[in-house]
């Protein structure tokens, strides 16, 4: 195995261990020593690949983002009807949102401290998300069944409104986490929103 493959393999092992540790204890209560202990490694070995806990957390988030996009692009490709495709997107996106929030498990007041380190990743992810949703709308642009001022603007609006629903559930929380009953209510609201959004795009056919 050449050097680049060895490095990639080591990084993957560390990422998986960090992912498990963050999921149980969150970023605030996890230390690099904890992750090293889980792997029976010297802490310095982890620093060779990741200079600090924040860069490791960022790498975990980017891995989660990549996996989410891979799954959702595959799923919506099989669903040609916009309503079904958007509902599938909503379900997968909320599942990812729940996982990401519970992965951090941080105090609400600490969010602004950690936000800058993942800002670029979130901006890039948002653009890729928009492309996924826009692709759904683009498929229907010439069908004559739906009305779009602009498929890019429609995708942006859809994501903004969906984000508003997600954000509302975290308001007033001391810790950023989502309970099962909150997740269930959020899912119901988000699916209803997706249906309303699609209905608003439908062109009523003349009888």
Protein backbone atom coordinates (compact mmCIF):
# COMPACT_ATOMS: atom_id res chain seq x y z
CA UNK A 1 0.00 0.00 0.00
CA UNK A 2 1.49 3.37 -1.04
CA UNK A 3 1.85 6.32 1.35
CA UNK A 4 -1.24 8.23 0.14
CA UNK A 5 -3.46 5.17 0.65
CA UNK A 6 -2.01 4.60 4.13
CA UNK A 7 -2.74 8.21 5.08
CA UNK A 8 -6.27 7.99 3.69
CA UNK A 9 -6.88 4.75 5.57
CA UNK A 10 -5.64 6.25 8.85
CA UNK A 11 -7.78 9.35 8.35
CA UNK A 12 -10.83 7.18 7.78
CA UNK A 13 -10.24 5.19 10.96
CA UNK A 14 -9.86 8.41 12.99
CA UNK A 15 -12.94 9.95 11.37
CA UNK A 16 -15.10 6.94 12.21
CA UNK A 17 -13.93 6.92 15.82
CA UNK A 18 -14.52 10.67 16.15
CA UNK A 19 -17.96 10.34 14.58
CA UNK A 20 -18.98 7.75 17.17
CA UNK A 21 -17.54 9.76 20.06
CA UNK A 22 -19.20 13.03 18.95
CA UNK A 23 -22.53 11.24 18.52
CA UNK A 24 -22.49 10.07 22.14
CA UNK A 25 -20.83 12.97 23.97
CA UNK A 26 -20.95 15.90 21.53
CA UNK A 27 -18.05 18.11 20.50
CA UNK A 28 -17.81 20.00 23.78
CA UNK A 29 -17.36 16.92 25.96
CA UNK A 30 -15.10 15.08 23.55
CA UNK A 31 -11.31 15.45 23.70
CA UNK A 32 -8.61 14.32 21.32
CA UNK A 33 -7.36 12.08 24.13
CA UNK A 34 -10.77 10.36 24.24
CA UNK A 35 -10.56 9.57 20.54
CA UNK A 36 -6.96 8.40 20.88
CA UNK A 37 -7.97 6.10 23.75
CA UNK A 38 -10.82 4.65 21.68
CA UNK A 39 -8.29 3.78 18.97
CA UNK A 40 -5.48 2.71 21.32
CA UNK A 41 -3.34 5.35 19.65
CA UNK A 42 -0.94 7.99 20.93
CA UNK A 43 -2.68 11.38 20.85
CA UNK A 44 0.18 12.83 18.83
CA UNK A 45 -0.63 10.41 16.02
CA UNK A 46 -4.06 11.98 15.60
CA UNK A 47 -2.56 15.49 15.56
CA UNK A 48 -0.45 14.40 12.58
CA UNK A 49 -3.64 14.07 10.53
CA UNK A 50 -5.85 16.65 12.27
CA UNK A 51 -4.23 19.63 14.05
CA UNK A 52 -7.08 20.11 16.53
CA UNK A 53 -10.51 18.88 17.59
CA UNK A 54 -12.24 21.58 15.54
CA UNK A 55 -10.64 20.48 12.26
CA UNK A 56 -11.58 16.88 13.04
CA UNK A 57 -15.18 17.89 13.77
CA UNK A 58 -15.26 19.81 10.48
CA UNK A 59 -14.00 16.73 8.63
CA UNK A 60 -16.73 14.61 10.26
CA UNK A 61 -19.40 17.12 9.20
CA UNK A 62 -18.10 17.23 5.62
CA UNK A 63 -18.17 13.43 5.52
CA UNK A 64 -21.79 13.47 6.72
CA UNK A 65 -22.65 16.08 4.08
CA UNK A 66 -21.07 14.04 1.32
CA UNK A 67 -22.94 10.89 2.38
CA UNK A 68 -26.25 12.78 2.55
CA UNK A 69 -25.84 14.25 -0.95
CA UNK A 70 -24.88 10.88 -2.40
CA UNK A 71 -27.99 9.22 -0.93
CA UNK A 72 -30.45 11.97 -1.84
CA UNK A 73 -29.21 12.32 -5.42
CA UNK A 74 -29.61 8.58 -5.88
CA UNK A 75 -33.08 8.53 -4.33
CA UNK A 76 -34.60 11.48 -6.19
CA UNK A 77 -33.24 10.22 -9.49
CA UNK A 78 -35.65 7.30 -9.15
CA UNK A 79 -38.61 9.59 -8.37
CA UNK A 80 -39.78 11.54 -11.41
CA UNK A 81 -42.85 13.17 -9.81
CA UNK A 82 -41.87 16.46 -8.08
CA UNK A 83 -44.10 15.90 -5.04
CA UNK A 84 -42.56 12.50 -4.31
CA UNK A 85 -39.04 13.77 -4.97
CA UNK A 86 -39.46 16.78 -2.65
CA UNK A 87 -40.99 14.65 0.09
CA UNK A 88 -38.07 12.23 -0.18
CA UNK A 89 -35.66 15.15 -0.03
CA UNK A 90 -37.42 16.54 3.07
CA UNK A 91 -37.32 13.21 4.90
CA UNK A 92 -33.64 12.65 4.14
CA UNK A 93 -32.74 16.26 4.96
CA UNK A 94 -34.49 16.19 8.33
CA UNK A 95 -32.79 12.92 9.21
CA UNK A 96 -29.45 14.52 8.38
CA UNK A 97 -30.37 17.67 10.33
CA UNK A 98 -31.23 15.63 13.41
CA UNK A 99 -27.99 13.70 13.14
CA UNK A 100 -25.93 16.86 12.72
CA UNK A 101 -27.53 18.66 15.66
CA UNK A 102 -27.24 15.66 17.97
CA UNK A 103 -23.68 15.13 16.75
CA UNK A 104 -22.65 18.50 18.18
CA UNK A 105 -24.73 18.36 21.40
CA UNK A 106 -23.43 21.77 22.37
CA UNK A 107 -24.81 24.49 24.57
CA UNK A 108 -26.77 27.04 22.57
CA UNK A 109 -24.51 29.87 23.71
CA UNK A 110 -21.47 27.98 22.39
CA UNK A 111 -22.88 27.70 18.88
CA UNK A 112 -21.46 31.06 17.75
CA UNK A 113 -18.03 29.97 18.94
CA UNK A 114 -18.02 26.87 16.73
CA UNK A 115 -19.98 28.30 13.81
CA UNK A 116 -17.04 30.07 12.05
CA UNK A 117 -15.05 26.84 11.72
CA UNK A 118 -17.78 25.16 9.66
CA UNK A 119 -19.14 28.25 7.87
CA UNK A 120 -17.36 27.52 4.58
CA UNK A 121 -18.47 23.89 4.66
CA UNK A 122 -22.08 24.91 5.28
CA UNK A 123 -22.02 27.50 2.47
CA UNK A 124 -20.67 24.93 0.01
CA UNK A 125 -23.19 22.37 1.22
CA UNK A 126 -26.05 24.84 0.80
CA UNK A 127 -25.08 25.45 -2.83
CA UNK A 128 -25.00 21.71 -3.53
CA UNK A 129 -28.37 21.32 -1.82
CA UNK A 130 -29.82 24.04 -4.01
CA UNK A 131 -28.55 22.25 -7.10
CA UNK A 132 -30.29 19.06 -5.98
CA UNK A 133 -33.65 20.78 -5.45
CA UNK A 134 -33.28 22.83 -8.62
CA UNK A 135 -32.68 19.63 -10.55
CA UNK A 136 -36.10 18.42 -9.38
CA UNK A 137 -37.72 21.62 -10.65
CA UNK A 138 -35.73 21.67 -13.89
CA UNK A 139 -37.11 18.26 -14.84
CA UNK A 140 -40.63 19.72 -14.73
CA UNK A 141 -39.89 23.11 -16.26
CA UNK A 142 -41.12 22.19 -19.74
CA UNK A 143 -43.90 19.82 -18.70
CA UNK A 144 -46.59 22.50 -18.70
CA UNK A 145 -47.94 21.27 -15.35
CA UNK A 146 -45.94 23.59 -13.11
CA UNK A 147 -45.17 27.30 -13.07
CA UNK A 148 -41.75 28.66 -12.24
CA UNK A 149 -40.56 32.24 -12.30
CA UNK A 150 -37.08 30.78 -12.11
CA UNK A 151 -36.16 27.27 -11.00
CA UNK A 152 -33.09 28.56 -9.16
CA UNK A 153 -35.15 31.10 -7.21
CA UNK A 154 -37.80 28.47 -6.49
CA UNK A 155 -35.15 26.12 -5.11
CA UNK A 156 -33.70 28.89 -2.94
CA UNK A 157 -37.15 29.81 -1.60
CA UNK A 158 -37.96 26.18 -0.81
CA UNK A 159 -34.70 25.74 1.12
CA UNK A 160 -35.12 29.03 3.00
CA UNK A 161 -38.61 28.14 4.17
CA UNK A 162 -37.60 24.61 5.13
CA UNK A 163 -34.66 26.02 7.09
CA UNK A 164 -37.11 28.28 8.94
CA UNK A 165 -39.07 25.26 10.10
CA UNK A 166 -35.90 23.56 11.30
CA UNK A 167 -34.60 26.67 13.07
CA UNK A 168 -37.88 27.24 14.90
CA UNK A 169 -37.52 23.99 16.79
CA UNK A 170 -34.15 25.04 18.24
CA UNK A 171 -35.33 28.43 19.49
CA UNK A 172 -35.16 28.93 23.26
CA UNK A 173 -33.21 25.68 23.76
CA UNK A 174 -30.31 25.64 26.20
CA UNK A 175 -28.75 22.69 24.41
CA UNK A 176 -28.83 22.06 20.68
CA UNK A 177 -30.51 18.67 20.50
CA UNK A 178 -33.73 17.21 19.12
CA UNK A 179 -36.03 14.86 20.99
CA UNK A 180 -38.05 12.20 19.18
CA UNK A 181 -41.39 13.94 19.69
CA UNK A 182 -39.94 17.21 18.36
CA UNK A 183 -38.52 15.39 15.36
CA UNK A 184 -41.87 13.75 14.63
CA UNK A 185 -43.72 17.09 14.73
CA UNK A 186 -41.07 18.74 12.57
CA UNK A 187 -41.34 15.94 10.01
CA UNK A 188 -45.12 16.29 9.82
CA UNK A 189 -44.89 20.05 9.34
CA UNK A 190 -42.11 19.80 6.76
CA UNK A 191 -43.97 17.22 4.66
CA UNK A 192 -47.11 19.37 4.77
CA UNK A 193 -45.02 22.34 3.68
CA UNK A 194 -43.56 20.36 0.75
CA UNK A 195 -47.07 19.45 -0.42
CA UNK A 196 -48.26 23.06 -0.15
CA UNK A 197 -45.21 24.28 -2.06
CA UNK A 198 -45.81 21.84 -4.92
CA UNK A 199 -49.53 22.66 -5.00
CA UNK A 200 -48.62 26.33 -5.35
CA UNK A 201 -46.59 25.54 -8.44
CA UNK A 202 -49.28 23.48 -10.13
CA UNK A 203 -50.99 25.07 -13.11
CA UNK A 204 -54.73 24.43 -13.05
CA UNK A 205 -55.73 22.76 -16.25
CA UNK A 206 -58.59 24.21 -18.25
CA UNK A 207 -61.60 21.88 -18.39
